[in-house]
């Protein structure tokens, strides 16, 4: 419902080899259990920033703790002091590197994506839209395939879509470098080869996108599963800096949002109700965040590796919390 049309958001799961429809998530209003909400990243960021004072153009360098607080230093020589520091600086988190040490770097996923984006005319996008109004996830041997809707023109003549066609690699570090350095033509040729035996519903977007709309320097799927505990103090982690995962359980954005809600609730209670040391609030938050984040990273990895999307729906992978409130970015 956030794409300018009244359709309820549906995430469809397909067999990539046959086109068989396996299951759907969503398709119900947002005040009903099991809804899916397709959220545009830029619009969500604008909404979150609307009532915040945000300073941009800063690059974190390091932090220092003392008995009274923590100071964050930036590469331009400036610094800022606070009671606590929340590292929410993404999969390549500098805060995490200092907090957990240099061995805490994320690893390349065994799934290497080729990414494209294009505007599709109505006769090409409608068959996909009828199956999954928000997105389609399809799997075939060695391939995981995500097709997502960005927007639809008000007259429904065209729709903007993107895809991430992911191939399994036995040597992801090498193949990820290839994907980051390959030409548009090389990436397109690889995508055409991978999808040549897939149903038209899935391969038409590749052919229509063509060479020009392939994204060079495509996204790189990274994974980081947090440890069971992190050093106590005035610093903690949130979102991808705490738990980076591949998108095949649709858990990344949900986990980050739940982290923020849990942390805000706990901080508010500790600060306003009992005046506790905020370091205690961070420990309470981490008791929720760390096991949840680790579980979601490992479950996303398991679904990505097996390609068994039905394990989410049938409960063999425990995604109860995710299926109750899905936000798909």
Protein backbone atom coordinates (compact mmCIF):
# COMPACT_ATOMS: atom_id res chain seq x y z
CA UNK A 1 0.00 0.00 0.00
CA UNK A 2 3.03 2.28 0.11
CA UNK A 3 3.73 2.16 -3.62
CA UNK A 4 1.02 4.58 -4.69
CA UNK A 5 -1.53 1.84 -5.40
CA UNK A 6 -4.14 0.31 -3.09
CA UNK A 7 -2.82 -3.27 -3.32
CA UNK A 8 -1.98 -5.05 -0.08
CA UNK A 9 1.67 -6.08 0.14
CA UNK A 10 2.33 -9.75 -0.65
CA UNK A 11 5.69 -11.53 -0.59
CA UNK A 12 5.51 -14.58 -2.87
CA UNK A 13 7.76 -17.65 -2.62
CA UNK A 14 8.35 -19.52 -5.89
CA UNK A 15 10.19 -22.56 -7.19
CA UNK A 16 12.73 -20.91 -9.50
CA UNK A 17 13.02 -23.90 -11.81
CA UNK A 18 9.32 -24.52 -12.45
CA UNK A 19 7.66 -21.25 -11.42
CA UNK A 20 5.44 -23.16 -8.98
CA UNK A 21 3.90 -20.91 -6.36
CA UNK A 22 4.94 -22.30 -2.99
CA UNK A 23 3.43 -19.83 -0.53
CA UNK A 24 2.67 -16.19 0.15
CA UNK A 25 3.28 -13.98 3.15
CA UNK A 26 1.13 -10.93 3.83
CA UNK A 27 -1.90 -9.92 1.82
CA UNK A 28 -3.75 -8.68 4.91
CA UNK A 29 -4.23 -5.14 6.28
CA UNK A 30 -1.50 -3.80 8.54
CA UNK A 31 -3.68 -4.08 11.64
CA UNK A 32 -3.99 -7.86 11.11
CA UNK A 33 -1.50 -10.56 12.23
CA UNK A 34 0.83 -11.71 9.47
CA UNK A 35 0.89 -8.49 7.47
CA UNK A 36 3.82 -7.56 5.22
CA UNK A 37 4.75 -3.92 4.75
CA UNK A 38 7.00 -3.03 1.80
CA UNK A 39 9.05 -0.02 2.88
CA UNK A 40 11.21 2.16 0.65
CA UNK A 41 14.58 2.73 2.30
CA UNK A 42 14.77 6.43 1.39
CA UNK A 43 11.23 7.18 2.56
CA UNK A 44 11.79 5.34 5.83
CA UNK A 45 15.02 7.28 6.45
CA UNK A 46 13.28 10.59 5.73
CA UNK A 47 10.49 9.67 8.14
CA UNK A 48 12.90 8.71 10.92
CA UNK A 49 14.99 11.84 10.45
CA UNK A 50 12.03 14.23 10.32
CA UNK A 51 12.11 15.10 14.04
CA UNK A 52 15.78 14.45 14.80
CA UNK A 53 18.83 16.64 14.76
CA UNK A 54 21.27 14.75 12.55
CA UNK A 55 24.83 15.82 11.79
CA UNK A 56 26.13 14.36 8.52
CA UNK A 57 29.57 14.33 6.93
CA UNK A 58 31.29 12.81 9.98
CA UNK A 59 33.49 9.71 9.91
CA UNK A 60 34.03 7.92 13.20
CA UNK A 61 37.60 7.36 14.34
CA UNK A 62 37.56 5.89 17.86
CA UNK A 63 36.03 6.28 21.29
CA UNK A 64 37.31 6.66 24.84
CA UNK A 65 35.45 5.74 28.02
CA UNK A 66 35.85 7.13 31.53
CA UNK A 67 33.88 7.01 34.78
CA UNK A 68 31.55 9.80 33.68
CA UNK A 69 30.80 8.90 30.07
CA UNK A 70 32.20 8.16 26.63
CA UNK A 71 33.74 10.42 23.99
CA UNK A 72 33.40 9.67 20.27
CA UNK A 73 36.17 11.08 18.08
CA UNK A 74 35.89 11.80 14.36
CA UNK A 75 38.47 11.95 11.61
CA UNK A 76 38.05 15.71 11.15
CA UNK A 77 39.37 16.24 14.68
CA UNK A 78 36.01 16.91 16.34
CA UNK A 79 34.52 14.92 19.18
CA UNK A 80 31.32 14.62 21.20
CA UNK A 81 30.69 13.38 24.75
CA UNK A 82 27.72 11.37 25.95
CA UNK A 83 26.62 8.96 28.67
CA UNK A 84 26.63 5.97 26.30
CA UNK A 85 27.61 5.21 22.71
CA UNK A 86 25.43 3.14 20.36
CA UNK A 87 27.31 1.71 17.39
CA UNK A 88 24.72 1.64 14.60
CA UNK A 89 27.25 2.18 11.82
CA UNK A 90 26.50 -0.82 9.63
CA UNK A 91 28.14 -4.07 8.62
CA UNK A 92 31.60 -2.48 8.45
CA UNK A 93 31.18 -0.92 11.91
CA UNK A 94 34.20 0.95 13.26
CA UNK A 95 32.59 0.93 16.70
CA UNK A 96 32.33 -2.88 16.62
CA UNK A 97 35.96 -3.19 15.52
CA UNK A 98 37.13 -1.29 18.59
CA UNK A 99 34.63 -2.92 20.96
CA UNK A 100 35.20 -6.53 19.88
CA UNK A 101 38.61 -6.35 18.23
CA UNK A 102 39.87 -6.76 14.65
CA UNK A 103 38.68 -10.37 14.44
CA UNK A 104 35.06 -9.17 14.51
CA UNK A 105 34.92 -8.40 10.78
CA UNK A 106 31.98 -9.73 8.74
CA UNK A 107 32.53 -12.54 6.25
CA UNK A 108 31.36 -12.77 2.65
CA UNK A 109 28.21 -14.82 2.19
CA UNK A 110 28.38 -17.86 -0.05
CA UNK A 111 25.65 -16.15 -2.11
CA UNK A 112 27.02 -13.57 -4.56
CA UNK A 113 24.45 -11.12 -5.98
CA UNK A 114 24.11 -9.57 -9.43
CA UNK A 115 21.84 -6.53 -9.20
CA UNK A 116 19.79 -4.62 -11.73
CA UNK A 117 17.04 -2.01 -11.77
CA UNK A 118 14.66 -0.89 -14.48
CA UNK A 119 11.23 0.47 -15.38
CA UNK A 120 8.94 -2.23 -16.72
CA UNK A 121 5.91 -1.58 -18.94
CA UNK A 122 2.57 -2.81 -17.74
CA UNK A 123 2.49 -6.00 -19.81
CA UNK A 124 5.77 -7.13 -18.21
CA UNK A 125 5.28 -6.11 -14.60
CA UNK A 126 1.64 -7.10 -14.15
CA UNK A 127 2.28 -10.90 -14.25
CA UNK A 128 4.83 -10.46 -11.44
CA UNK A 129 2.63 -8.02 -9.54
CA UNK A 130 -0.28 -10.46 -9.61
CA UNK A 131 1.93 -13.09 -7.94
CA UNK A 132 3.72 -10.87 -5.40
CA UNK A 133 2.65 -7.24 -5.07
CA UNK A 134 5.65 -6.42 -2.84
CA UNK A 135 8.29 -8.92 -3.94
CA UNK A 136 9.06 -12.40 -5.19
CA UNK A 137 11.69 -14.74 -3.77
CA UNK A 138 12.53 -17.74 -5.93
CA UNK A 139 15.05 -20.54 -5.48
CA UNK A 140 16.55 -23.14 -7.77
CA UNK A 141 19.69 -25.28 -7.36
CA UNK A 142 22.57 -22.94 -6.59
CA UNK A 143 20.46 -19.81 -7.14
CA UNK A 144 18.52 -17.49 -4.83
CA UNK A 145 16.55 -14.77 -6.59
CA UNK A 146 14.83 -11.67 -5.18
CA UNK A 147 12.67 -9.36 -7.32
CA UNK A 148 11.29 -6.29 -5.56
CA UNK A 149 8.88 -3.50 -6.46
CA UNK A 150 10.03 0.08 -5.85
CA UNK A 151 7.11 2.10 -7.23
CA UNK A 152 4.28 2.15 -9.75
CA UNK A 153 3.26 5.13 -11.87
CA UNK A 154 -0.13 6.59 -10.85
CA UNK A 155 -1.66 5.49 -14.15
CA UNK A 156 -0.01 2.06 -13.71
CA UNK A 157 1.64 2.30 -17.15
CA UNK A 158 5.12 1.56 -15.76
CA UNK A 159 6.62 0.19 -12.54
CA UNK A 160 10.12 0.49 -11.15
CA UNK A 161 11.63 -2.86 -10.10
CA UNK A 162 14.98 -4.15 -8.96
CA UNK A 163 16.40 -7.65 -8.72
CA UNK A 164 19.19 -9.40 -6.85
CA UNK A 165 20.12 -12.62 -8.61
CA UNK A 166 22.38 -14.56 -6.27
CA UNK A 167 24.52 -17.52 -7.26
CA UNK A 168 26.11 -19.96 -4.84
CA UNK A 169 29.90 -19.79 -4.67
CA UNK A 170 32.36 -22.27 -3.21
CA UNK A 171 34.87 -19.41 -3.04
CA UNK A 172 32.82 -16.33 -2.13
CA UNK A 173 35.77 -14.05 -1.43
CA UNK A 174 37.06 -14.55 -4.99
CA UNK A 175 33.66 -14.42 -6.66
CA UNK A 176 32.63 -11.35 -4.67
CA UNK A 177 35.72 -9.56 -5.96
CA UNK A 178 34.79 -10.63 -9.50
CA UNK A 179 31.24 -9.26 -9.05
CA UNK A 180 32.62 -5.97 -7.70
CA UNK A 181 35.04 -5.52 -10.62
CA UNK A 182 33.24 -7.11 -13.58
CA UNK A 183 31.84 -5.01 -16.41
CA UNK A 184 28.13 -4.49 -16.96
CA UNK A 185 28.32 -6.84 -19.95
CA UNK A 186 30.01 -9.58 -17.93
CA UNK A 187 27.45 -9.32 -15.14
CA UNK A 188 24.57 -9.30 -17.61
CA UNK A 189 25.92 -12.33 -19.46
CA UNK A 190 26.23 -14.20 -16.17
CA UNK A 191 22.65 -13.27 -15.21
CA UNK A 192 21.30 -14.42 -18.58
CA UNK A 193 23.15 -17.72 -18.29
CA UNK A 194 21.86 -18.34 -14.77
CA UNK A 195 18.21 -17.65 -15.70
CA UNK A 196 18.10 -19.16 -19.22
CA UNK A 197 16.01 -22.17 -18.13
CA UNK A 198 13.78 -20.29 -15.69
CA UNK A 199 10.13 -19.47 -16.45
CA UNK A 200 9.47 -16.25 -18.38
CA UNK A 201 7.97 -14.66 -15.27
CA UNK A 202 11.44 -14.70 -13.68
CA UNK A 203 13.80 -14.17 -16.59
CA UNK A 204 11.93 -11.43 -18.49
CA UNK A 205 13.12 -8.74 -16.08
CA UNK A 206 16.76 -9.73 -16.75
CA UNK A 207 16.35 -9.53 -20.51
CA UNK A 208 14.39 -6.28 -20.38
CA UNK A 209 16.81 -4.66 -17.95
CA UNK A 210 19.59 -5.29 -20.42
CA UNK A 211 23.22 -4.33 -20.00
CA UNK A 212 22.77 -0.61 -19.27
CA UNK A 213 20.69 -1.06 -16.13
CA UNK A 214 22.96 -3.62 -14.47
CA UNK A 215 24.49 -2.12 -11.33
CA UNK A 216 28.27 -2.17 -11.21
CA UNK A 217 29.80 -2.34 -7.75
CA UNK A 218 26.72 -4.31 -6.68
CA UNK A 219 25.84 -4.94 -3.08
CA UNK A 220 27.96 -7.51 -1.30
CA UNK A 221 26.21 -9.87 1.08
CA UNK A 222 28.04 -9.95 4.41
CA UNK A 223 27.38 -11.97 7.55
CA UNK A 224 28.32 -11.35 11.16
CA UNK A 225 26.88 -13.39 14.01
CA UNK A 226 27.40 -11.66 17.37
CA UNK A 227 29.08 -13.44 20.28
CA UNK A 228 27.07 -14.51 23.29
CA UNK A 229 28.44 -11.57 25.27
CA UNK A 230 30.19 -8.30 24.53
CA UNK A 231 32.45 -6.28 26.84
CA UNK A 232 30.56 -4.43 29.54
CA UNK A 233 30.81 -0.68 29.59
CA UNK A 234 29.15 2.33 28.02
CA UNK A 235 29.21 1.06 24.42
CA UNK A 236 26.86 -1.33 22.63
CA UNK A 237 25.78 -2.20 19.10
CA UNK A 238 22.54 -2.06 17.10
CA UNK A 239 21.35 -3.31 13.71
CA UNK A 240 23.83 -4.47 11.08
CA UNK A 241 26.79 -3.50 13.25
CA UNK A 242 25.61 -6.15 15.74
CA UNK A 243 24.23 -8.79 13.36
CA UNK A 244 24.70 -8.64 9.58
CA UNK A 245 22.65 -11.19 7.65
CA UNK A 246 21.57 -12.15 4.15
CA UNK A 247 17.99 -11.18 3.20
CA UNK A 248 16.33 -14.57 2.71
CA UNK A 249 14.47 -14.60 6.02
CA UNK A 250 13.54 -10.92 5.62
CA UNK A 251 14.98 -10.38 9.09
CA UNK A 252 17.58 -7.60 8.77
CA UNK A 253 15.36 -4.51 8.94
CA UNK A 254 12.99 -6.16 11.40
CA UNK A 255 15.87 -7.00 13.73
CA UNK A 256 17.29 -3.48 13.60
CA UNK A 257 13.90 -1.88 14.27
CA UNK A 258 13.25 -4.23 17.17
CA UNK A 259 16.72 -3.46 18.55
CA UNK A 260 15.93 0.26 18.48
CA UNK A 261 12.52 -0.21 20.10
CA UNK A 262 13.90 -2.45 22.85
CA UNK A 263 16.81 -0.14 23.59
CA UNK A 264 14.64 2.98 23.62
CA UNK A 265 12.09 1.36 25.93
CA UNK A 266 14.73 0.11 28.36
CA UNK A 267 16.68 3.37 28.39
CA UNK A 268 13.52 5.35 28.96
CA UNK A 269 12.47 3.19 31.88
CA UNK A 270 15.90 3.12 33.52
CA UNK A 271 16.42 6.84 33.15
CA UNK A 272 12.97 8.23 33.93
CA UNK A 273 11.65 5.71 36.46
CA UNK A 274 14.48 4.54 38.67
CA UNK A 275 17.50 6.64 37.72
CA UNK A 276 19.68 3.55 37.21
CA UNK A 277 23.16 3.64 35.74
CA UNK A 278 22.58 3.54 31.99
CA UNK A 279 25.26 0.88 31.70
CA UNK A 280 22.79 -1.48 33.38
CA UNK A 281 20.24 -0.60 30.70
CA UNK A 282 22.72 -1.63 27.99
CA UNK A 283 23.24 -5.01 29.64
CA UNK A 284 19.47 -5.57 29.82
CA UNK A 285 19.16 -4.65 26.14
CA UNK A 286 22.00 -6.97 25.14
CA UNK A 287 20.28 -9.91 26.84
CA UNK A 288 17.52 -9.47 24.26
CA UNK A 289 19.52 -8.32 21.24
CA UNK A 290 22.48 -10.73 21.17
CA UNK A 291 20.62 -14.09 21.14
CA UNK A 292 17.94 -12.74 18.80
CA UNK A 293 20.52 -11.31 16.41
CA UNK A 294 22.60 -14.47 16.40
CA UNK A 295 19.53 -16.64 15.78
CA UNK A 296 18.41 -14.48 12.86
CA UNK A 297 21.86 -14.47 11.24
CA UNK A 298 22.13 -18.26 11.46
CA UNK A 299 18.56 -18.87 10.32
CA UNK A 300 18.96 -16.54 7.35
CA UNK A 301 22.17 -18.36 6.45
CA UNK A 302 20.42 -21.74 6.74
CA UNK A 303 17.54 -20.72 4.47
CA UNK A 304 19.95 -19.14 1.98
CA UNK A 305 22.09 -22.26 1.91
CA UNK A 306 19.29 -24.79 1.66
CA UNK A 307 16.98 -22.76 -0.55
CA UNK A 308 14.09 -24.23 1.43
CA UNK A 309 11.85 -21.18 1.68
CA UNK A 310 9.01 -23.31 2.99
CA UNK A 311 10.98 -23.94 6.18
CA UNK A 312 10.10 -20.37 7.19
CA UNK A 313 6.40 -20.86 6.57
CA UNK A 314 6.12 -24.37 8.01
CA UNK A 315 8.03 -23.55 11.18
CA UNK A 316 11.10 -25.74 10.70
CA UNK A 317 13.02 -22.48 11.00
CA UNK A 318 11.55 -20.58 13.92
CA UNK A 319 10.44 -17.25 12.44
CA UNK A 320 7.36 -16.64 14.59
CA UNK A 321 8.42 -13.13 15.55
CA UNK A 322 9.30 -12.25 11.97
CA UNK A 323 6.09 -13.50 10.41
CA UNK A 324 4.01 -11.56 12.92
CA UNK A 325 5.32 -8.16 11.81
CA UNK A 326 7.24 -8.10 8.53
CA UNK A 327 8.89 -4.94 7.26
CA UNK A 328 10.62 -5.53 3.94
CA UNK A 329 13.13 -2.92 2.75
